[in-house]
Amino acid sequence: MIRMSIQEVKPVVRRFLTRKDAAEYLGVSPDWIKRQNLSGNLRFSKVNGLVFIDIKDLDRLIEKNFVYK
């Protein structure tokens, strides 16, 4: 009998997200993400017509908009 070890599979964490995935990450619409891109509030990269957003920029966007009361 051959014994095989089961290795833990680690999920792949992507650093760059599509607009759709970025919207899902923040709980907003893809159109909201696009408006933030076009207004200059959220950086993006375009490769072969595809838009990518750095997840770190999404986190920064949330952090800079914290409301302290």
N, C-alpha and C. Protein backbone atom coordinates (compact mmCIF):
# COMPACT_ATOMS: atom_id res chain seq x y z
N MET A 1 0.84 -1.17 0.00
CA MET A 1 0.00 0.00 0.00
C MET A 1 0.89 1.25 0.00
N ILE A 2 0.55 2.19 -0.83
CA ILE A 2 1.30 3.44 -0.93
C ILE A 2 0.64 4.48 -0.04
N ARG A 3 1.45 5.09 0.78
CA ARG A 3 0.93 6.14 1.65
C ARG A 3 1.22 7.50 1.02
N MET A 4 0.23 8.31 0.98
CA MET A 4 0.38 9.66 0.43
C MET A 4 0.03 10.65 1.53
N SER A 5 0.83 11.67 1.63
CA SER A 5 0.52 12.70 2.63
C SER A 5 -0.35 13.77 1.98
N ILE A 6 -1.25 14.23 2.75
CA ILE A 6 -2.12 15.32 2.27
C ILE A 6 -1.51 16.61 2.76
N GLN A 7 -1.18 17.46 1.81
CA GLN A 7 -0.59 18.75 2.16
C GLN A 7 -1.68 19.81 2.21
N GLU A 8 -1.48 20.72 3.09
CA GLU A 8 -2.42 21.82 3.21
C GLU A 8 -2.31 22.70 1.97
N VAL A 9 -3.45 22.99 1.39
CA VAL A 9 -3.48 23.84 0.20
C VAL A 9 -3.76 25.26 0.66
N LYS A 10 -2.86 26.15 0.33
CA LYS A 10 -3.03 27.55 0.72
C LYS A 10 -3.72 28.30 -0.41
N PRO A 11 -4.72 29.10 -0.09
CA PRO A 11 -5.39 29.86 -1.14
C PRO A 11 -4.45 30.91 -1.74
N VAL A 12 -4.63 31.16 -3.00
CA VAL A 12 -3.83 32.17 -3.68
C VAL A 12 -4.47 33.52 -3.43
N VAL A 13 -3.70 34.44 -2.89
CA VAL A 13 -4.21 35.79 -2.65
C VAL A 13 -3.67 36.67 -3.78
N ARG A 14 -4.60 37.18 -4.55
CA ARG A 14 -4.19 38.02 -5.67
C ARG A 14 -4.01 39.45 -5.20
N ARG A 15 -2.98 40.08 -5.69
CA ARG A 15 -2.73 41.48 -5.34
C ARG A 15 -3.50 42.41 -6.26
N PHE A 16 -3.69 42.02 -7.51
CA PHE A 16 -4.38 42.87 -8.48
C PHE A 16 -5.73 42.25 -8.84
N LEU A 17 -6.76 43.07 -8.75
CA LEU A 17 -8.13 42.61 -8.99
C LEU A 17 -8.74 43.32 -10.18
N THR A 18 -9.68 42.67 -10.83
CA THR A 18 -10.47 43.32 -11.89
C THR A 18 -11.45 44.27 -11.21
N ARG A 19 -12.09 45.11 -11.99
CA ARG A 19 -13.08 46.03 -11.41
C ARG A 19 -14.20 45.25 -10.73
N LYS A 20 -14.62 44.16 -11.36
CA LYS A 20 -15.70 43.34 -10.79
C LYS A 20 -15.27 42.77 -9.44
N ASP A 21 -14.06 42.22 -9.37
CA ASP A 21 -13.57 41.64 -8.12
C ASP A 21 -13.31 42.72 -7.07
N ALA A 22 -12.83 43.89 -7.50
CA ALA A 22 -12.61 45.01 -6.58
C ALA A 22 -13.94 45.47 -5.99
N ALA A 23 -14.96 45.52 -6.83
CA ALA A 23 -16.29 45.92 -6.36
C ALA A 23 -16.82 44.91 -5.34
N GLU A 24 -16.62 43.64 -5.61
CA GLU A 24 -17.06 42.60 -4.69
C GLU A 24 -16.30 42.70 -3.36
N TYR A 25 -15.02 42.99 -3.45
CA TYR A 25 -14.17 43.13 -2.26
C TYR A 25 -14.67 44.24 -1.34
N LEU A 26 -15.11 45.36 -1.95
CA LEU A 26 -15.58 46.50 -1.16
C LEU A 26 -17.09 46.49 -0.90
N GLY A 27 -17.82 45.65 -1.63
CA GLY A 27 -19.27 45.62 -1.47
C GLY A 27 -19.97 46.77 -2.18
N VAL A 28 -19.39 47.19 -3.30
CA VAL A 28 -19.97 48.27 -4.11
C VAL A 28 -20.16 47.76 -5.53
N SER A 29 -20.69 48.60 -6.40
CA SER A 29 -20.90 48.19 -7.79
C SER A 29 -19.62 48.42 -8.62
N PRO A 30 -19.47 47.65 -9.71
CA PRO A 30 -18.34 47.90 -10.61
C PRO A 30 -18.36 49.31 -11.19
N ASP A 31 -19.56 49.87 -11.37
CA ASP A 31 -19.66 51.25 -11.87
C ASP A 31 -19.09 52.25 -10.87
N TRP A 32 -19.29 52.00 -9.58
CA TRP A 32 -18.72 52.88 -8.55
C TRP A 32 -17.20 52.84 -8.61
N ILE A 33 -16.65 51.64 -8.79
CA ILE A 33 -15.19 51.49 -8.92
C ILE A 33 -14.71 52.26 -10.14
N LYS A 34 -15.43 52.14 -11.26
CA LYS A 34 -15.04 52.84 -12.49
C LYS A 34 -15.06 54.36 -12.28
N ARG A 35 -16.09 54.86 -11.59
CA ARG A 35 -16.18 56.30 -11.32
C ARG A 35 -15.01 56.77 -10.46
N GLN A 36 -14.62 55.95 -9.49
CA GLN A 36 -13.48 56.30 -8.64
C GLN A 36 -12.19 56.31 -9.45
N ASN A 37 -12.07 55.38 -10.40
CA ASN A 37 -10.90 55.35 -11.28
C ASN A 37 -10.85 56.61 -12.14
N LEU A 38 -11.96 56.94 -12.77
CA LEU A 38 -12.00 58.07 -13.70
C LEU A 38 -11.87 59.42 -12.99
N SER A 39 -12.29 59.49 -11.73
CA SER A 39 -12.18 60.75 -10.99
C SER A 39 -10.80 60.92 -10.36
N GLY A 40 -9.98 59.88 -10.42
CA GLY A 40 -8.63 59.96 -9.87
C GLY A 40 -8.54 59.56 -8.40
N ASN A 41 -9.64 59.09 -7.83
CA ASN A 41 -9.63 58.67 -6.43
C ASN A 41 -9.05 57.28 -6.21
N LEU A 42 -8.97 56.50 -7.28
CA LEU A 42 -8.50 55.12 -7.17
C LEU A 42 -7.65 54.78 -8.40
N ARG A 43 -6.38 54.49 -8.15
CA ARG A 43 -5.47 54.19 -9.26
C ARG A 43 -5.84 52.86 -9.91
N PHE A 44 -5.44 52.72 -11.16
CA PHE A 44 -5.63 51.45 -11.86
C PHE A 44 -4.56 51.30 -12.92
N SER A 45 -4.42 50.07 -13.36
CA SER A 45 -3.48 49.74 -14.43
C SER A 45 -4.26 49.09 -15.55
N LYS A 46 -3.87 49.36 -16.76
CA LYS A 46 -4.57 48.79 -17.90
C LYS A 46 -3.58 47.97 -18.73
N VAL A 47 -3.89 46.68 -18.91
CA VAL A 47 -3.04 45.77 -19.67
C VAL A 47 -3.91 45.08 -20.71
N ASN A 48 -3.57 45.27 -21.98
CA ASN A 48 -4.34 44.67 -23.08
C ASN A 48 -5.84 44.95 -22.95
N GLY A 49 -6.18 46.14 -22.51
CA GLY A 49 -7.58 46.53 -22.39
C GLY A 49 -8.25 46.10 -21.09
N LEU A 50 -7.56 45.33 -20.28
CA LEU A 50 -8.11 44.89 -19.00
C LEU A 50 -7.66 45.83 -17.89
N VAL A 51 -8.58 46.18 -17.01
CA VAL A 51 -8.28 47.09 -15.91
C VAL A 51 -7.99 46.28 -14.66
N PHE A 52 -6.90 46.61 -13.98
CA PHE A 52 -6.51 45.96 -12.73
C PHE A 52 -6.33 47.01 -11.64
N ILE A 53 -6.77 46.65 -10.44
CA ILE A 53 -6.68 47.55 -9.30
C ILE A 53 -5.92 46.84 -8.19
N ASP A 54 -4.96 47.54 -7.62
CA ASP A 54 -4.15 46.98 -6.54
C ASP A 54 -4.99 46.91 -5.27
N ILE A 55 -5.04 45.74 -4.66
CA ILE A 55 -5.84 45.55 -3.45
C ILE A 55 -5.37 46.48 -2.33
N LYS A 56 -4.09 46.83 -2.34
CA LYS A 56 -3.57 47.76 -1.33
C LYS A 56 -4.19 49.14 -1.50
N ASP A 57 -4.46 49.54 -2.73
CA ASP A 57 -5.12 50.83 -2.98
C ASP A 57 -6.56 50.81 -2.49
N LEU A 58 -7.22 49.66 -2.60
CA LEU A 58 -8.59 49.54 -2.08
C LEU A 58 -8.59 49.68 -0.56
N ASP A 59 -7.62 49.03 0.08
CA ASP A 59 -7.52 49.14 1.54
C ASP A 59 -7.22 50.58 1.96
N ARG A 60 -6.33 51.25 1.21
CA ARG A 60 -5.99 52.65 1.51
C ARG A 60 -7.22 53.56 1.35
N LEU A 61 -8.02 53.30 0.32
CA LEU A 61 -9.22 54.10 0.08
C LEU A 61 -10.17 54.00 1.28
N ILE A 62 -10.32 52.81 1.81
CA ILE A 62 -11.17 52.62 2.99
C ILE A 62 -10.57 53.31 4.21
N GLU A 63 -9.27 53.12 4.41
CA GLU A 63 -8.61 53.70 5.58
C GLU A 63 -8.65 55.22 5.59
N LYS A 64 -8.47 55.83 4.43
CA LYS A 64 -8.46 57.30 4.40
C LYS A 64 -9.84 57.91 4.56
N ASN A 65 -10.86 57.08 4.46
CA ASN A 65 -12.24 57.58 4.59
C ASN A 65 -12.89 57.17 5.90
N PHE A 66 -12.11 56.72 6.87
CA PHE A 66 -12.66 56.39 8.17
C PHE A 66 -13.28 57.65 8.77
N VAL A 67 -14.38 57.47 9.45
CA VAL A 67 -15.07 58.57 10.11
C VAL A 67 -14.92 58.35 11.61
N TYR A 68 -14.36 59.35 12.27
CA TYR A 68 -14.20 59.29 13.72
C TYR A 68 -15.15 60.27 14.35
N LYS A 69 -16.02 59.78 15.21
CA LYS A 69 -16.99 60.67 15.88
C LYS A 69 -16.91 60.47 17.36
